[in-house]
PDB file of all heavy atoms in Angstrom:
ATOM      1  N   GLN A   1      18.906  -5.241   3.173  1.00  0.00           N
ATOM      2  CA  GLN A   1      19.394  -5.495   4.545  1.00  0.00           C
ATOM      3  C   GLN A   1      20.952  -5.519   4.560  1.00  0.00           C
ATOM      4  O   GLN A   1      21.604  -6.132   3.655  1.00  0.00           O
ATOM      5  CB  GLN A   1      18.890  -6.771   5.113  1.00  0.00           C
ATOM      6  CG  GLN A   1      19.194  -6.925   6.610  1.00  0.00           C
ATOM      7  CD  GLN A   1      18.287  -8.044   7.293  1.00  0.00           C
ATOM      8  OE1 GLN A   1      17.426  -8.526   6.665  1.00  0.00           O
ATOM      9  NE2 GLN A   1      18.630  -8.351   8.490  1.00  0.00           N
ATOM     10  N   VAL A   2      21.602  -4.809   5.464  1.00  0.00           N
ATOM     11  CA  VAL A   2      23.064  -4.790   5.565  1.00  0.00           C
ATOM     12  C   VAL A   2      23.488  -5.151   6.998  1.00  0.00           C
ATOM     13  O   VAL A   2      22.727  -5.059   7.969  1.00  0.00           O
ATOM     14  CB  VAL A   2      23.647  -3.433   5.225  1.00  0.00           C
ATOM     15  CG1 VAL A   2      23.352  -3.134   3.700  1.00  0.00           C
ATOM     16  CG2 VAL A   2      23.021  -2.281   6.050  1.00  0.00           C
ATOM     17  N   GLU A   3      24.717  -5.611   7.092  1.00  0.00           N
ATOM     18  CA  GLU A   3      25.318  -6.000   8.441  1.00  0.00           C
ATOM     19  C   GLU A   3      25.656  -4.704   9.207  1.00  0.00           C
ATOM     20  O   GLU A   3      25.552  -4.660  10.425  1.00  0.00           O
ATOM     21  CB  GLU A   3      26.484  -6.887   8.264  1.00  0.00           C
ATOM     22  CG  GLU A   3      26.171  -8.295   7.760  1.00  0.00           C
ATOM     23  CD  GLU A   3      25.403  -9.123   8.774  1.00  0.00           C
ATOM     24  OE1 GLU A   3      25.765  -9.017   9.948  1.00  0.00           O
ATOM     25  OE2 GLU A   3      24.426  -9.802   8.410  1.00  0.00           O
ATOM     26  N   GLU A   4      26.184  -3.777   8.435  1.00  0.00           N
ATOM     27  CA  GLU A   4      26.589  -2.463   9.154  1.00  0.00           C
ATOM     28  C   GLU A   4      26.503  -1.289   8.183  1.00  0.00           C
ATOM     29  O   GLU A   4      26.426  -1.446   6.972  1.00  0.00           O
ATOM     30  CB  GLU A   4      27.999  -2.581   9.727  1.00  0.00           C
ATOM     31  CG  GLU A   4      29.074  -2.656   8.671  1.00  0.00           C
ATOM     32  CD  GLU A   4      30.511  -2.541   9.271  1.00  0.00           C
ATOM     33  OE1 GLU A   4      30.728  -3.081  10.373  1.00  0.00           O
ATOM     34  OE2 GLU A   4      31.376  -1.872   8.673  1.00  0.00           O
ATOM     35  N   ALA A   5      26.411  -0.146   8.783  1.00  0.00           N
ATOM     36  CA  ALA A   5      26.345   1.147   7.990  1.00  0.00           C
ATOM     37  C   ALA A   5      27.152   2.194   8.713  1.00  0.00           C
ATOM     38  O   ALA A   5      27.287   2.146   9.970  1.00  0.00           O
ATOM     39  CB  ALA A   5      24.914   1.645   7.873  1.00  0.00           C
ATOM     40  N   LYS A   6      27.766   3.106   8.002  1.00  0.00           N
ATOM     41  CA  LYS A   6      28.715   4.080   8.545  1.00  0.00           C
ATOM     42  C   LYS A   6      28.159   5.512   8.506  1.00  0.00           C
ATOM     43  O   LYS A   6      27.129   5.788   7.953  1.00  0.00           O
ATOM     44  CB  LYS A   6      30.004   4.033   7.790  1.00  0.00           C
ATOM     45  CG  LYS A   6      30.838   2.800   8.009  1.00  0.00           C
ATOM     46  CD  LYS A   6      32.174   2.876   7.346  1.00  0.00           C
ATOM     47  CE  LYS A   6      33.113   1.850   7.794  1.00  0.00           C
ATOM     48  NZ  LYS A   6      32.680   0.499   7.390  1.00  0.00           N
ATOM     49  N   ALA A   7      28.864   6.455   9.270  1.00  0.00           N
ATOM     50  CA  ALA A   7      28.467   7.859   9.311  1.00  0.00           C
ATOM     51  C   ALA A   7      28.193   8.379   7.898  1.00  0.00           C
ATOM     52  O   ALA A   7      29.017   8.131   6.979  1.00  0.00           O
ATOM     53  CB  ALA A   7      29.625   8.654   9.987  1.00  0.00           C
ATOM     54  N   GLY A   8      27.112   9.055   7.701  1.00  0.00           N
ATOM     55  CA  GLY A   8      26.687   9.662   6.449  1.00  0.00           C
ATOM     56  C   GLY A   8      25.623   8.805   5.746  1.00  0.00           C
ATOM     57  O   GLY A   8      24.852   9.395   4.938  1.00  0.00           O
ATOM     58  N   ASP A   9      25.544   7.542   6.012  1.00  0.00           N
ATOM     59  CA  ASP A   9      24.464   6.711   5.407  1.00  0.00           C
ATOM     60  C   ASP A   9      23.051   7.031   5.979  1.00  0.00           C
ATOM     61  O   ASP A   9      22.931   7.321   7.158  1.00  0.00           O
ATOM     62  CB  ASP A   9      24.760   5.253   5.703  1.00  0.00           C
ATOM     63  CG  ASP A   9      25.825   4.639   4.806  1.00  0.00           C
ATOM     64  OD1 ASP A   9      25.983   5.098   3.686  1.00  0.00           O
ATOM     65  OD2 ASP A   9      26.693   3.837   5.326  1.00  0.00           O
ATOM     66  N   ILE A  10      22.112   7.006   5.044  1.00  0.00           N
ATOM     67  CA  ILE A  10      20.710   7.078   5.457  1.00  0.00           C
ATOM     68  C   ILE A  10      20.179   5.641   5.619  1.00  0.00           C
ATOM     69  O   ILE A  10      20.352   4.862   4.711  1.00  0.00           O
ATOM     70  CB  ILE A  10      19.839   7.822   4.472  1.00  0.00           C
ATOM     71  CG1 ILE A  10      20.230   9.344   4.421  1.00  0.00           C
ATOM     72  CG2 ILE A  10      18.381   7.751   4.818  1.00  0.00           C
ATOM     73  CD1 ILE A  10      19.514  10.154   3.449  1.00  0.00           C
ATOM     74  N   VAL A  11      19.774   5.328   6.848  1.00  0.00           N
ATOM     75  CA  VAL A  11      19.413   3.940   7.132  1.00  0.00           C
ATOM     76  C   VAL A  11      18.026   3.822   7.643  1.00  0.00           C
ATOM     77  O   VAL A  11      17.413   4.797   8.168  1.00  0.00           O
ATOM     78  CB  VAL A  11      20.371   3.327   8.213  1.00  0.00           C
ATOM     79  CG1 VAL A  11      21.778   3.130   7.593  1.00  0.00           C
ATOM     80  CG2 VAL A  11      20.435   4.179   9.478  1.00  0.00           C
ATOM     81  N   CYS A  12      17.506   2.597   7.625  1.00  0.00           N
ATOM     82  CA  CYS A  12      16.202   2.233   8.226  1.00  0.00           C
ATOM     83  C   CYS A  12      16.489   1.096   9.190  1.00  0.00           C
ATOM     84  O   CYS A  12      17.203   0.144   8.734  1.00  0.00           O
ATOM     85  CB  CYS A  12      15.276   1.833   7.076  1.00  0.00           C
ATOM     86  SG  CYS A  12      13.664   1.318   7.550  1.00  0.00           S
ATOM     87  N   PHE A  13      16.066   1.135  10.406  1.00  0.00           N
ATOM     88  CA  PHE A  13      16.416   0.038  11.327  1.00  0.00           C
ATOM     89  C   PHE A  13      15.259  -0.275  12.263  1.00  0.00           C
ATOM     90  O   PHE A  13      14.386   0.479  12.506  1.00  0.00           O
ATOM     91  CB  PHE A  13      17.684   0.440  12.120  1.00  0.00           C
ATOM     92  CG  PHE A  13      17.602   1.780  12.856  1.00  0.00           C
ATOM     93  CD1 PHE A  13      17.200   1.806  14.167  1.00  0.00           C
ATOM     94  CD2 PHE A  13      17.941   2.957  12.162  1.00  0.00           C
ATOM     95  CE1 PHE A  13      17.130   3.038  14.836  1.00  0.00           C
ATOM     96  CE2 PHE A  13      17.872   4.107  12.834  1.00  0.00           C
ATOM     97  CZ  PHE A  13      17.473   4.184  14.181  1.00  0.00           C
ATOM     98  N   SER A  14      15.276  -1.545  12.748  1.00  0.00           N
ATOM     99  CA  SER A  14      14.248  -2.033  13.638  1.00  0.00           C
ATOM    100  C   SER A  14      14.798  -2.566  14.877  1.00  0.00           C
ATOM    101  O   SER A  14      16.040  -2.748  15.037  1.00  0.00           O
ATOM    102  CB  SER A  14      13.442  -3.204  12.934  1.00  0.00           C
ATOM    103  OG  SER A  14      14.326  -4.294  12.704  1.00  0.00           O
ATOM    104  N   GLY A  15      13.907  -2.775  15.950  1.00  0.00           N
ATOM    105  CA  GLY A  15      14.421  -3.254  17.247  1.00  0.00           C
ATOM    106  C   GLY A  15      14.058  -2.328  18.397  1.00  0.00           C
ATOM    107  O   GLY A  15      14.155  -2.801  19.562  1.00  0.00           O
ATOM    108  N   ILE A  16      13.662  -1.107  18.100  1.00  0.00           N
ATOM    109  CA  ILE A  16      13.325  -0.177  19.142  1.00  0.00           C
ATOM    110  C   ILE A  16      11.833   0.199  18.985  1.00  0.00           C
ATOM    111  O   ILE A  16      11.453   1.054  18.281  1.00  0.00           O
ATOM    112  CB  ILE A  16      14.192   1.129  19.109  1.00  0.00           C
ATOM    113  CG1 ILE A  16      15.668   0.762  18.862  1.00  0.00           C
ATOM    114  CG2 ILE A  16      14.027   1.936  20.324  1.00  0.00           C
ATOM    115  CD1 ILE A  16      16.549   1.957  18.537  1.00  0.00           C
ATOM    116  N   GLU A  17      11.003  -0.476  19.833  1.00  0.00           N
ATOM    117  CA  GLU A  17       9.557  -0.358  19.678  1.00  0.00           C
ATOM    118  C   GLU A  17       9.074   1.062  20.095  1.00  0.00           C
ATOM    119  O   GLU A  17       8.101   1.574  19.654  1.00  0.00           O
ATOM    120  CB  GLU A  17       8.820  -1.411  20.449  1.00  0.00           C
ATOM    121  CG  GLU A  17       8.679  -2.734  19.758  1.00  0.00           C
ATOM    122  CD  GLU A  17       7.932  -2.555  18.342  1.00  0.00           C
ATOM    123  OE1 GLU A  17       6.930  -2.027  18.279  1.00  0.00           O
ATOM    124  OE2 GLU A  17       8.595  -2.997  17.353  1.00  0.00           O
ATOM    125  N   SER A  18       9.832   1.668  21.071  1.00  0.00           N
ATOM    126  CA  SER A  18       9.323   2.968  21.607  1.00  0.00           C
ATOM    127  C   SER A  18       9.965   4.153  20.877  1.00  0.00           C
ATOM    128  O   SER A  18       9.665   5.329  21.256  1.00  0.00           O
ATOM    129  CB  SER A  18       9.699   3.074  23.060  1.00  0.00           C
ATOM    130  OG  SER A  18      11.098   2.961  23.297  1.00  0.00           O
ATOM    131  N   VAL A  19      10.676   3.928  19.780  1.00  0.00           N
ATOM    132  CA  VAL A  19      11.325   5.068  19.086  1.00  0.00           C
ATOM    133  C   VAL A  19      10.331   6.013  18.446  1.00  0.00           C
ATOM    134  O   VAL A  19       9.317   5.597  17.998  1.00  0.00           O
ATOM    135  CB  VAL A  19      12.349   4.493  18.067  1.00  0.00           C
ATOM    136  CG1 VAL A  19      11.578   3.845  16.880  1.00  0.00           C
ATOM    137  CG2 VAL A  19      13.282   5.568  17.616  1.00  0.00           C
ATOM    138  N   ASN A  20      10.658   7.306  18.399  1.00  0.00           N
ATOM    139  CA  ASN A  20       9.774   8.228  17.814  1.00  0.00           C
ATOM    140  C   ASN A  20      10.579   9.316  17.050  1.00  0.00           C
ATOM    141  O   ASN A  20      11.829   9.394  17.187  1.00  0.00           O
ATOM    142  CB  ASN A  20       8.981   8.964  18.927  1.00  0.00           C
ATOM    143  CG  ASN A  20       7.473   8.735  18.765  1.00  0.00           C
ATOM    144  OD1 ASN A  20       6.958   8.716  17.621  1.00  0.00           O
ATOM    145  ND2 ASN A  20       6.795   8.542  19.842  1.00  0.00           N
ATOM    146  N   ILE A  21       9.908  10.052  16.178  1.00  0.00           N
ATOM    147  CA  ILE A  21      10.541  11.100  15.371  1.00  0.00           C
ATOM    148  C   ILE A  21      11.129  12.136  16.320  1.00  0.00           C
ATOM    149  O   ILE A  21      10.477  12.562  17.316  1.00  0.00           O
ATOM    150  CB  ILE A  21       9.534  11.635  14.472  1.00  0.00           C
ATOM    151  CG1 ILE A  21       9.073  10.679  13.388  1.00  0.00           C
ATOM    152  CG2 ILE A  21      10.044  12.945  13.826  1.00  0.00           C
ATOM    153  CD1 ILE A  21       7.861  10.977  12.639  1.00  0.00           C
ATOM    154  N   GLY A  22      12.387  12.495  16.051  1.00  0.00           N
ATOM    155  CA  GLY A  22      13.092  13.507  16.895  1.00  0.00           C
ATOM    156  C   GLY A  22      13.969  12.830  18.003  1.00  0.00           C
ATOM    157  O   GLY A  22      14.801  13.605  18.542  1.00  0.00           O
ATOM    158  N   ASN A  23      13.767  11.560  18.246  1.00  0.00           N
ATOM    159  CA  ASN A  23      14.674  10.830  19.233  1.00  0.00           C
ATOM    160  C   ASN A  23      16.060  10.686  18.603  1.00  0.00           C
ATOM    161  O   ASN A  23      16.211  10.660  17.360  1.00  0.00           O
ATOM    162  CB  ASN A  23      14.112   9.432  19.499  1.00  0.00           C
ATOM    163  CG  ASN A  23      12.818   9.501  20.293  1.00  0.00           C
ATOM    164  OD1 ASN A  23      12.171   8.472  20.403  1.00  0.00           O
ATOM    165  ND2 ASN A  23      12.387  10.654  20.769  1.00  0.00           N
ATOM    166  N   THR A  24      17.072  10.522  19.460  1.00  0.00           N
ATOM    167  CA  THR A  24      18.410  10.190  19.011  1.00  0.00           C
ATOM    168  C   THR A  24      18.724   8.778  19.508  1.00  0.00           C
ATOM    169  O   THR A  24      18.507   8.430  20.652  1.00  0.00           O
ATOM    170  CB  THR A  24      19.409  11.204  19.668  1.00  0.00           C
ATOM    171  OG1 THR A  24      19.056  12.565  19.287  1.00  0.00           O
ATOM    172  CG2 THR A  24      20.811  10.887  19.149  1.00  0.00           C
ATOM    173  N   VAL A  25      19.209   7.978  18.549  1.00  0.00           N
ATOM    174  CA  VAL A  25      19.716   6.631  18.892  1.00  0.00           C
ATOM    175  C   VAL A  25      21.238   6.725  18.968  1.00  0.00           C
ATOM    176  O   VAL A  25      21.873   7.205  18.043  1.00  0.00           O
ATOM    177  CB  VAL A  25      19.232   5.593  17.842  1.00  0.00           C
ATOM    178  CG1 VAL A  25      19.847   4.245  18.116  1.00  0.00           C
ATOM    179  CG2 VAL A  25      17.724   5.546  17.750  1.00  0.00           C
ATOM    180  N   CYS A  26      21.751   6.338  20.178  1.00  0.00           N
ATOM    181  CA  CYS A  26      23.267   6.500  20.359  1.00  0.00           C
ATOM    182  C   CYS A  26      23.848   5.333  21.135  1.00  0.00           C
ATOM    183  O   CYS A  26      23.166   4.427  21.557  1.00  0.00           O
ATOM    184  CB  CYS A  26      23.509   7.844  21.032  1.00  0.00           C
ATOM    185  SG  CYS A  26      22.499   8.155  22.518  1.00  0.00           S
ATOM    186  N   ALA A  27      25.147   5.432  21.276  1.00  0.00           N
ATOM    187  CA  ALA A  27      25.927   4.383  21.947  1.00  0.00           C
ATOM    188  C   ALA A  27      25.547   4.481  23.494  1.00  0.00           C
ATOM    189  O   ALA A  27      25.468   5.551  24.028  1.00  0.00           O
ATOM    190  CB  ALA A  27      27.383   4.542  21.777  1.00  0.00           C
ATOM    191  N   PRO A  28      25.313   3.364  24.180  1.00  0.00           N
ATOM    192  CA  PRO A  28      24.953   3.355  25.585  1.00  0.00           C
ATOM    193  C   PRO A  28      25.914   4.058  26.471  1.00  0.00           C
ATOM    194  O   PRO A  28      25.579   4.588  27.531  1.00  0.00           O
ATOM    195  CB  PRO A  28      24.770   1.879  25.945  1.00  0.00           C
ATOM    196  CG  PRO A  28      24.681   1.159  24.641  1.00  0.00           C
ATOM    197  CD  PRO A  28      25.389   1.989  23.673  1.00  0.00           C
ATOM    198  N   ASP A  29      27.196   4.004  26.130  1.00  0.00           N
ATOM    199  CA  ASP A  29      28.236   4.638  26.938  1.00  0.00           C
ATOM    200  C   ASP A  29      28.510   6.089  26.588  1.00  0.00           C
ATOM    201  O   ASP A  29      29.400   6.752  27.121  1.00  0.00           O
ATOM    202  CB  ASP A  29      29.507   3.808  26.920  1.00  0.00           C
ATOM    203  CG  ASP A  29      30.017   3.650  25.540  1.00  0.00           C
ATOM    204  OD1 ASP A  29      29.303   4.025  24.549  1.00  0.00           O
ATOM    205  OD2 ASP A  29      31.123   3.068  25.332  1.00  0.00           O
ATOM    206  N   HIS A  30      27.729   6.629  25.633  1.00  0.00           N
ATOM    207  CA  HIS A  30      27.881   8.017  25.186  1.00  0.00           C
ATOM    208  C   HIS A  30      26.536   8.565  24.795  1.00  0.00           C
ATOM    209  O   HIS A  30      26.279   8.729  23.613  1.00  0.00           O
ATOM    210  CB  HIS A  30      28.894   8.073  24.054  1.00  0.00           C
ATOM    211  CG  HIS A  30      29.350   9.506  23.736  1.00  0.00           C
ATOM    212  ND1 HIS A  30      30.370  10.130  24.357  1.00  0.00           N
ATOM    213  CD2 HIS A  30      28.842  10.399  22.835  1.00  0.00           C
ATOM    214  CE1 HIS A  30      30.472  11.365  23.822  1.00  0.00           C
ATOM    215  NE2 HIS A  30      29.563  11.554  22.936  1.00  0.00           N
ATOM    216  N   VAL A  31      25.708   8.847  25.788  1.00  0.00           N
ATOM    217  CA  VAL A  31      24.294   9.298  25.507  1.00  0.00           C
ATOM    218  C   VAL A  31      24.303  10.775  25.299  1.00  0.00           C
ATOM    219  O   VAL A  31      24.491  11.541  26.248  1.00  0.00           O
ATOM    220  CB  VAL A  31      23.387   8.881  26.634  1.00  0.00           C
ATOM    221  CG1 VAL A  31      21.950   9.401  26.370  1.00  0.00           C
ATOM    222  CG2 VAL A  31      23.368   7.384  26.813  1.00  0.00           C
ATOM    223  N   GLU A  32      24.176  11.217  24.017  1.00  0.00           N
ATOM    224  CA  GLU A  32      24.101  12.636  23.675  1.00  0.00           C
ATOM    225  C   GLU A  32      23.102  12.876  22.566  1.00  0.00           C
ATOM    226  O   GLU A  32      23.208  12.348  21.473  1.00  0.00           O
ATOM    227  CB  GLU A  32      25.504  13.051  23.234  1.00  0.00           C
ATOM    228  CG  GLU A  32      25.582  14.583  23.007  1.00  0.00           C
ATOM    229  CD  GLU A  32      26.945  14.980  22.517  1.00  0.00           C
ATOM    230  OE1 GLU A  32      27.977  14.244  22.614  1.00  0.00           O
ATOM    231  OE2 GLU A  32      27.034  16.058  21.855  1.00  0.00           O
ATOM    232  N   ALA A  33      22.027  13.641  22.936  1.00  0.00           N
ATOM    233  CA  ALA A  33      20.922  13.889  22.004  1.00  0.00           C
ATOM    234  C   ALA A  33      21.336  14.903  20.918  1.00  0.00           C
ATOM    235  O   ALA A  33      22.054  15.877  21.274  1.00  0.00           O
ATOM    236  CB  ALA A  33      19.686  14.315  22.737  1.00  0.00           C
TER     237      ALA A  33
END
């Protein structure tokens, strides 16, 4: 478990119950798939 990860890292994360393969997780003020 880490506090933060940067561009390039392969990460595993929790908190999004509806997430699916192929979805993009992004910043709320910059939604770009």
